[in-house]
Amino acid sequence: MIDFESQTQRIDLWLWHARIYKTRSISTKYIQHGAFRLNSCPVTKASCTIKKNDILTFVWYDTIRVIKILNLTKQRVAAKNISLIYQEILETSDVKL
């Protein structure tokens, strides 16, 4: 059973809960290096708060991913339930960095 939060959540915690990164410290590292945009604005602080329906854009290996946040959770979500947490809007491969 998934326990949803209602208002806001730190971006580093959400990335870990949504299984984007394996640990919270790894998500913090990528955020601090400027790998993320939240609603088209650069994010460099792990304490940045997100809410439902926010849009995250980031580079994942050689792919640009754009995801919509559907829910905030109090715990890490099982891989089979990821579709309840976020929706993949765009995944573009062959990125030239």
Foldseek 3Di string as FASTA:
>chain_A
DFAFDAFKDFPLVQCCLLPVDVDSVVSLVCLLVQFKDKQNHTGNGRRDIDHAQIWIWGDDPQKIWIKGAHTHTPHRDDPVCSVNGIDTDDIGGPHDD
